[in-house]
Structures are given as structure tokens and as C-alpha cells.
């Protein structure tokens, strides 16, 4: 079995929640798993495999994601790795694959790191859980993309069966 590090960059908690689920799935099949915020990553040298999950906020991954990759690229390239992007665009069937998701495409254009496995996961909307500014920005984006705009909307688009399959695929690497 493997010693796996799962790193998350999460704004409103959905990416962290997905990482916790991945942690449970990977531990259930005998792996040792450590989950960590991107702000407090342990020494990569002690891990066999690394997963990095990052959410989209206002159309971008957090700059700390790219900084982490830049500072650790050599080490990442020596391991089995995965990157997954959590975004609301992935709620649409035509935008929920690595090949069709605009944020995953942008990620690949912005970095030379090529993880062993790439995934896209749909996030959630919880307008009441956001501050006024985020709520209005996300509602505007949803209006443009024909998504829900009611201020009381709370929807989880994450396909947990897809996340479970992702865990199985990563474990098999």
C-alpha cells in the first residue's frame, strides 16, 4: 500500500470535503493518507503519491496552487501524482471532463507540471454561506451560465460516485 498526501486549496469548504472523502476511500483499501491545506504542507519526501485538489474562485485557481507546484515541481515529478479542479462549470455534462472543462484547460496552459492523473469535479452552491460580495459575483456568473440565481439556493453538484471511481483509479496507479 502507499503513503499518500492529499493537499487541498479550498475557499468555501467543498474541495476540503472532497479530499476528506478521498482520504476515507483510500484508507479503506489500506493506504496511509495525510490530508493538508496547501498553506501547511508537510515534507513531500515521505510520501509515495500526492493528490492536489483546488477550487475555482472568481474564475481562477488560487495563486498559491501555482506557487506550490513551482516550488515542488521536481519532487512532484518523481512521484505518482494527481490534480483535480473543483468548479461549478463541471455541473454541465459538456464541461465535466478534463478535455472539455475550461478551468482544467487553463490550468494545463499555466503550468508545465503534468500529473499522472487529472480530474474535474463539480462543486456546490450555498449562497447563504457566502459573504455578500462572493454571493453576488457567483449569482452573476450563474445568471450568465444559466445556473440557479435564487439567493436561497443550496445545491451540491459533486458526483460522489465519480469521486469514488477517482479514488479507485488513483489507488490503482
C-alpha atoms as a PDB file:
ATOM      1  CA  UNK A   1       0.000   0.000   0.000  1.00  0.00           C
ATOM      2  CA  UNK A   2       1.011   3.616  -0.407  1.00  0.00           C
ATOM      3  CA  UNK A   3       1.697   6.600   1.793  1.00  0.00           C
ATOM      4  CA  UNK A   4      -0.463   9.310   0.203  1.00  0.00           C
ATOM      5  CA  UNK A   5      -0.605  13.054   0.737  1.00  0.00           C
ATOM      6  CA  UNK A   6      -3.791  14.897  -0.225  1.00  0.00           C
ATOM      7  CA  UNK A   7      -3.403  18.671  -0.468  1.00  0.00           C
ATOM      8  CA  UNK A   8      -6.357  20.984  -0.828  1.00  0.00           C
ATOM      9  CA  UNK A   9      -6.860  24.612  -1.755  1.00  0.00           C
ATOM     10  CA  UNK A  10     -10.436  25.324  -0.703  1.00  0.00           C
ATOM     11  CA  UNK A  11     -12.303  28.608  -0.292  1.00  0.00           C
ATOM     12  CA  UNK A  12     -15.766  27.591   0.902  1.00  0.00           C
ATOM     13  CA  UNK A  13     -15.003  24.021   2.000  1.00  0.00           C
ATOM     14  CA  UNK A  14     -16.229  21.791  -0.844  1.00  0.00           C
ATOM     15  CA  UNK A  15     -12.732  20.906  -2.054  1.00  0.00           C
ATOM     16  CA  UNK A  16     -11.727  20.031   1.513  1.00  0.00           C
ATOM     17  CA  UNK A  17     -14.889  17.886   1.795  1.00  0.00           C
ATOM     18  CA  UNK A  18     -13.979  16.055  -1.433  1.00  0.00           C
ATOM     19  CA  UNK A  19     -10.441  15.493  -0.117  1.00  0.00           C
ATOM     20  CA  UNK A  20     -11.813  14.078   3.134  1.00  0.00           C
ATOM     21  CA  UNK A  21     -13.936  11.655   1.099  1.00  0.00           C
ATOM     22  CA  UNK A  22     -10.907  10.654  -0.990  1.00  0.00           C
ATOM     23  CA  UNK A  23      -8.966  10.137   2.253  1.00  0.00           C
ATOM     24  CA  UNK A  24     -11.663   7.772   3.577  1.00  0.00           C
ATOM     25  CA  UNK A  25     -11.827   5.844   0.302  1.00  0.00           C
ATOM     26  CA  UNK A  26      -8.055   5.451   0.048  1.00  0.00           C
ATOM     27  CA  UNK A  27      -7.636   4.446   3.707  1.00  0.00           C
ATOM     28  CA  UNK A  28     -10.412   1.864   3.324  1.00  0.00           C
ATOM     29  CA  UNK A  29      -8.238  -0.053   0.855  1.00  0.00           C
ATOM     30  CA  UNK A  30      -5.175   0.006   3.104  1.00  0.00           C
ATOM     31  CA  UNK A  31      -3.297   3.192   2.239  1.00  0.00           C
ATOM     32  CA  UNK A  32      -1.876   5.587   4.806  1.00  0.00           C
ATOM     33  CA  UNK A  33      -3.282   9.027   3.997  1.00  0.00           C
ATOM     34  CA  UNK A  34      -2.499  12.513   5.260  1.00  0.00           C
ATOM     35  CA  UNK A  35      -4.675  15.473   4.251  1.00  0.00           C
ATOM     36  CA  UNK A  36      -3.334  19.004   4.438  1.00  0.00           C
ATOM     37  CA  UNK A  37      -4.239  22.531   3.470  1.00  0.00           C
ATOM     38  CA  UNK A  38      -1.961  23.983   0.816  1.00  0.00           C
ATOM     39  CA  UNK A  39      -0.949  26.520   3.471  1.00  0.00           C
ATOM     40  CA  UNK A  40       0.566  23.828   5.724  1.00  0.00           C
ATOM     41  CA  UNK A  41       2.031  21.049   3.557  1.00  0.00           C
ATOM     42  CA  UNK A  42       4.324  18.505   5.229  1.00  0.00           C
ATOM     43  CA  UNK A  43       7.581  17.277   3.675  1.00  0.00           C
ATOM     44  CA  UNK A  44       6.722  15.686   0.318  1.00  0.00           C
ATOM     45  CA  UNK A  45       9.721  13.359   0.508  1.00  0.00           C
ATOM     46  CA  UNK A  46       7.986  10.953   2.893  1.00  0.00           C
ATOM     47  CA  UNK A  47       5.025  10.294   0.557  1.00  0.00           C
ATOM     48  CA  UNK A  48       4.742   7.880  -2.375  1.00  0.00           C
ATOM     49  CA  UNK A  49       1.806   9.609  -4.012  1.00  0.00           C
ATOM     50  CA  UNK A  50       0.370  13.127  -3.968  1.00  0.00           C
ATOM     51  CA  UNK A  51      -3.087  14.467  -4.834  1.00  0.00           C
ATOM     52  CA  UNK A  52      -3.653  18.195  -5.207  1.00  0.00           C
ATOM     53  CA  UNK A  53      -7.224  19.484  -5.283  1.00  0.00           C
ATOM     54  CA  UNK A  54      -8.044  23.120  -5.979  1.00  0.00           C
ATOM     55  CA  UNK A  55     -11.259  25.069  -6.248  1.00  0.00           C
ATOM     56  CA  UNK A  56     -12.082  27.874  -8.617  1.00  0.00           C
ATOM     57  CA  UNK A  57     -12.873  31.275  -7.197  1.00  0.00           C
ATOM     58  CA  UNK A  58     -13.859  34.106  -9.479  1.00  0.00           C
ATOM     59  CA  UNK A  59     -12.682  32.146 -12.492  1.00  0.00           C
ATOM     60  CA  UNK A  60      -9.219  31.163 -11.224  1.00  0.00           C
ATOM     61  CA  UNK A  61      -7.354  28.659  -9.122  1.00  0.00           C
ATOM     62  CA  UNK A  62      -5.686  30.241  -6.100  1.00  0.00           C
ATOM     63  CA  UNK A  63      -2.209  31.590  -6.964  1.00  0.00           C
ATOM     64  CA  UNK A  64      -0.830  29.513  -4.063  1.00  0.00           C
ATOM     65  CA  UNK A  65      -1.572  26.394  -6.165  1.00  0.00           C
ATOM     66  CA  UNK A  66       0.826  27.528  -8.878  1.00  0.00           C
ATOM     67  CA  UNK A  67       3.398  28.667  -6.302  1.00  0.00           C
ATOM     68  CA  UNK A  68       3.265  25.249  -4.628  1.00  0.00           C
ATOM     69  CA  UNK A  69       3.721  23.476  -7.954  1.00  0.00           C
ATOM     70  CA  UNK A  70       6.593  25.763  -8.950  1.00  0.00           C
ATOM     71  CA  UNK A  71       8.428  25.236  -5.646  1.00  0.00           C
ATOM     72  CA  UNK A  72       7.859  21.461  -5.606  1.00  0.00           C
ATOM     73  CA  UNK A  73       7.834  20.503  -9.270  1.00  0.00           C
ATOM     74  CA  UNK A  74      10.985  18.352  -9.175  1.00  0.00           C
ATOM     75  CA  UNK A  75       9.660  16.350  -6.209  1.00  0.00           C
ATOM     76  CA  UNK A  76       6.173  16.063  -7.768  1.00  0.00           C
ATOM     77  CA  UNK A  77       7.635  14.712 -10.996  1.00  0.00           C
ATOM     78  CA  UNK A  78       9.316  11.884  -9.053  1.00  0.00           C
ATOM     79  CA  UNK A  79       6.006  10.615  -7.647  1.00  0.00           C
ATOM     80  CA  UNK A  80       2.635   9.345  -8.749  1.00  0.00           C
ATOM     81  CA  UNK A  81       0.507  12.492  -8.686  1.00  0.00           C
ATOM     82  CA  UNK A  82      -2.953  13.742  -9.411  1.00  0.00           C
ATOM     83  CA  UNK A  83      -4.605  17.116  -9.754  1.00  0.00           C
ATOM     84  CA  UNK A  84      -8.318  17.792  -9.643  1.00  0.00           C
ATOM     85  CA  UNK A  85     -10.180  21.037 -10.172  1.00  0.00           C
ATOM     86  CA  UNK A  86     -13.444  21.739  -8.353  1.00  0.00           C
ATOM     87  CA  UNK A  87     -15.708  24.133 -10.216  1.00  0.00           C
ATOM     88  CA  UNK A  88     -19.332  24.875 -10.954  1.00  0.00           C
ATOM     89  CA  UNK A  89     -18.898  24.712 -14.728  1.00  0.00           C
ATOM     90  CA  UNK A  90     -18.367  20.950 -14.237  1.00  0.00           C
ATOM     91  CA  UNK A  91     -22.049  20.688 -13.270  1.00  0.00           C
ATOM     92  CA  UNK A  92     -22.747  20.670 -17.011  1.00  0.00           C
ATOM     93  CA  UNK A  93     -22.254  17.331 -18.795  1.00  0.00           C
ATOM     94  CA  UNK A  94     -20.495  19.051 -21.700  1.00  0.00           C
ATOM     95  CA  UNK A  95     -17.929  20.636 -19.333  1.00  0.00           C
ATOM     96  CA  UNK A  96     -17.181  17.890 -16.796  1.00  0.00           C
ATOM     97  CA  UNK A  97     -14.168  16.202 -18.350  1.00  0.00           C
ATOM     98  CA  UNK A  98     -10.520  17.184 -18.432  1.00  0.00           C
ATOM     99  CA  UNK A  99     -10.787  17.716 -22.175  1.00  0.00           C
ATOM    100  CA  UNK A 100     -13.901  19.919 -22.029  1.00  0.00           C
ATOM    101  CA  UNK A 101     -13.522  21.862 -18.779  1.00  0.00           C
ATOM    102  CA  UNK A 102     -12.190  25.389 -19.384  1.00  0.00           C
ATOM    103  CA  UNK A 103     -10.547  25.624 -15.941  1.00  0.00           C
ATOM    104  CA  UNK A 104      -8.607  22.406 -16.413  1.00  0.00           C
ATOM    105  CA  UNK A 105      -7.500  23.593 -19.839  1.00  0.00           C
ATOM    106  CA  UNK A 106      -6.372  26.900 -18.306  1.00  0.00           C
ATOM    107  CA  UNK A 107      -4.526  25.013 -15.565  1.00  0.00           C
ATOM    108  CA  UNK A 108      -2.612  22.958 -18.130  1.00  0.00           C
ATOM    109  CA  UNK A 109      -1.725  26.109 -20.076  1.00  0.00           C
ATOM    110  CA  UNK A 110      -0.449  27.856 -16.952  1.00  0.00           C
ATOM    111  CA  UNK A 111       1.844  25.099 -15.667  1.00  0.00           C
ATOM    112  CA  UNK A 112       4.305  22.646 -17.185  1.00  0.00           C
ATOM    113  CA  UNK A 113       3.586  20.056 -14.461  1.00  0.00           C
ATOM    114  CA  UNK A 114       1.764  17.055 -15.862  1.00  0.00           C
ATOM    115  CA  UNK A 115       0.261  14.953 -13.075  1.00  0.00           C
ATOM    116  CA  UNK A 116      -0.190  11.241 -13.621  1.00  0.00           C
ATOM    117  CA  UNK A 117      -3.969  11.625 -13.325  1.00  0.00           C
ATOM    118  CA  UNK A 118      -6.180  14.678 -13.958  1.00  0.00           C
ATOM    119  CA  UNK A 119      -9.826  15.021 -12.918  1.00  0.00           C
ATOM    120  CA  UNK A 120     -12.624  17.570 -12.809  1.00  0.00           C
ATOM    121  CA  UNK A 121     -15.215  17.557 -10.029  1.00  0.00           C
ATOM    122  CA  UNK A 122     -18.352  19.669  -9.806  1.00  0.00           C
ATOM    123  CA  UNK A 123     -18.605  21.842  -6.723  1.00  0.00           C
ATOM    124  CA  UNK A 124     -21.583  23.263  -4.887  1.00  0.00           C
ATOM    125  CA  UNK A 125     -23.570  26.446  -4.426  1.00  0.00           C
ATOM    126  CA  UNK A 126     -24.539  27.701  -0.987  1.00  0.00           C
ATOM    127  CA  UNK A 127     -25.416  31.363  -1.439  1.00  0.00           C
ATOM    128  CA  UNK A 128     -26.269  31.852   2.239  1.00  0.00           C
ATOM    129  CA  UNK A 129     -22.820  30.554   3.193  1.00  0.00           C
ATOM    130  CA  UNK A 130     -21.036  33.228   1.169  1.00  0.00           C
ATOM    131  CA  UNK A 131     -20.299  36.813   2.012  1.00  0.00           C
ATOM    132  CA  UNK A 132     -22.267  39.459   0.120  1.00  0.00           C
ATOM    133  CA  UNK A 133     -19.557  40.070  -2.477  1.00  0.00           C
ATOM    134  CA  UNK A 134     -18.982  36.378  -3.308  1.00  0.00           C
ATOM    135  CA  UNK A 135     -22.724  35.722  -3.336  1.00  0.00           C
ATOM    136  CA  UNK A 136     -23.319  38.479  -5.891  1.00  0.00           C
ATOM    137  CA  UNK A 137     -20.370  37.531  -8.075  1.00  0.00           C
ATOM    138  CA  UNK A 138     -21.390  33.861  -8.145  1.00  0.00           C
ATOM    139  CA  UNK A 139     -25.041  34.735  -8.787  1.00  0.00           C
ATOM    140  CA  UNK A 140     -23.949  36.917 -11.706  1.00  0.00           C
ATOM    141  CA  UNK A 141     -21.804  34.106 -13.118  1.00  0.00           C
ATOM    142  CA  UNK A 142     -24.730  31.703 -12.678  1.00  0.00           C
ATOM    143  CA  UNK A 143     -27.030  34.159 -14.468  1.00  0.00           C
ATOM    144  CA  UNK A 144     -24.598  34.294 -17.395  1.00  0.00           C
ATOM    145  CA  UNK A 145     -24.244  30.494 -17.488  1.00  0.00           C
ATOM    146  CA  UNK A 146     -27.959  29.844 -16.946  1.00  0.00           C
ATOM    147  CA  UNK A 147     -27.470  28.402 -13.467  1.00  0.00           C
ATOM    148  CA  UNK A 148     -29.520  28.983 -10.299  1.00  0.00           C
ATOM    149  CA  UNK A 149     -29.587  32.575  -9.064  1.00  0.00           C
ATOM    150  CA  UNK A 150     -32.095  32.473  -6.200  1.00  0.00           C
ATOM    151  CA  UNK A 151     -30.294  33.801  -3.118  1.00  0.00           C
ATOM    152  CA  UNK A 152     -31.559  30.851  -1.034  1.00  0.00           C
ATOM    153  CA  UNK A 153     -30.078  28.233  -3.365  1.00  0.00           C
ATOM    154  CA  UNK A 154     -28.073  25.437  -1.781  1.00  0.00           C
ATOM    155  CA  UNK A 155     -27.126  22.679  -4.254  1.00  0.00           C
ATOM    156  CA  UNK A 156     -24.334  20.124  -4.152  1.00  0.00           C
ATOM    157  CA  UNK A 157     -23.359  19.178  -7.696  1.00  0.00           C
ATOM    158  CA  UNK A 158     -20.495  16.889  -6.629  1.00  0.00           C
ATOM    159  CA  UNK A 159     -20.976  13.418  -8.083  1.00  0.00           C
ATOM    160  CA  UNK A 160     -19.766  11.262  -5.187  1.00  0.00           C
ATOM    161  CA  UNK A 161     -19.797   8.078  -7.292  1.00  0.00           C
ATOM    162  CA  UNK A 162     -17.398   9.811  -9.689  1.00  0.00           C
ATOM    163  CA  UNK A 163     -15.178  10.792  -6.745  1.00  0.00           C
ATOM    164  CA  UNK A 164     -15.209   7.181  -5.531  1.00  0.00           C
ATOM    165  CA  UNK A 165     -14.163   5.996  -9.001  1.00  0.00           C
ATOM    166  CA  UNK A 166     -11.421   8.620  -8.965  1.00  0.00           C
ATOM    167  CA  UNK A 167     -10.128   7.237  -5.652  1.00  0.00           C
ATOM    168  CA  UNK A 168     -10.098   3.722  -7.117  1.00  0.00           C
ATOM    169  CA  UNK A 169      -8.231   4.901 -10.221  1.00  0.00           C
ATOM    170  CA  UNK A 170      -5.646   6.721  -8.117  1.00  0.00           C
ATOM    171  CA  UNK A 171      -5.186   3.742  -5.806  1.00  0.00           C
ATOM    172  CA  UNK A 172      -4.530   1.506  -8.828  1.00  0.00           C
ATOM    173  CA  UNK A 173      -1.685   3.714 -10.100  1.00  0.00           C
END
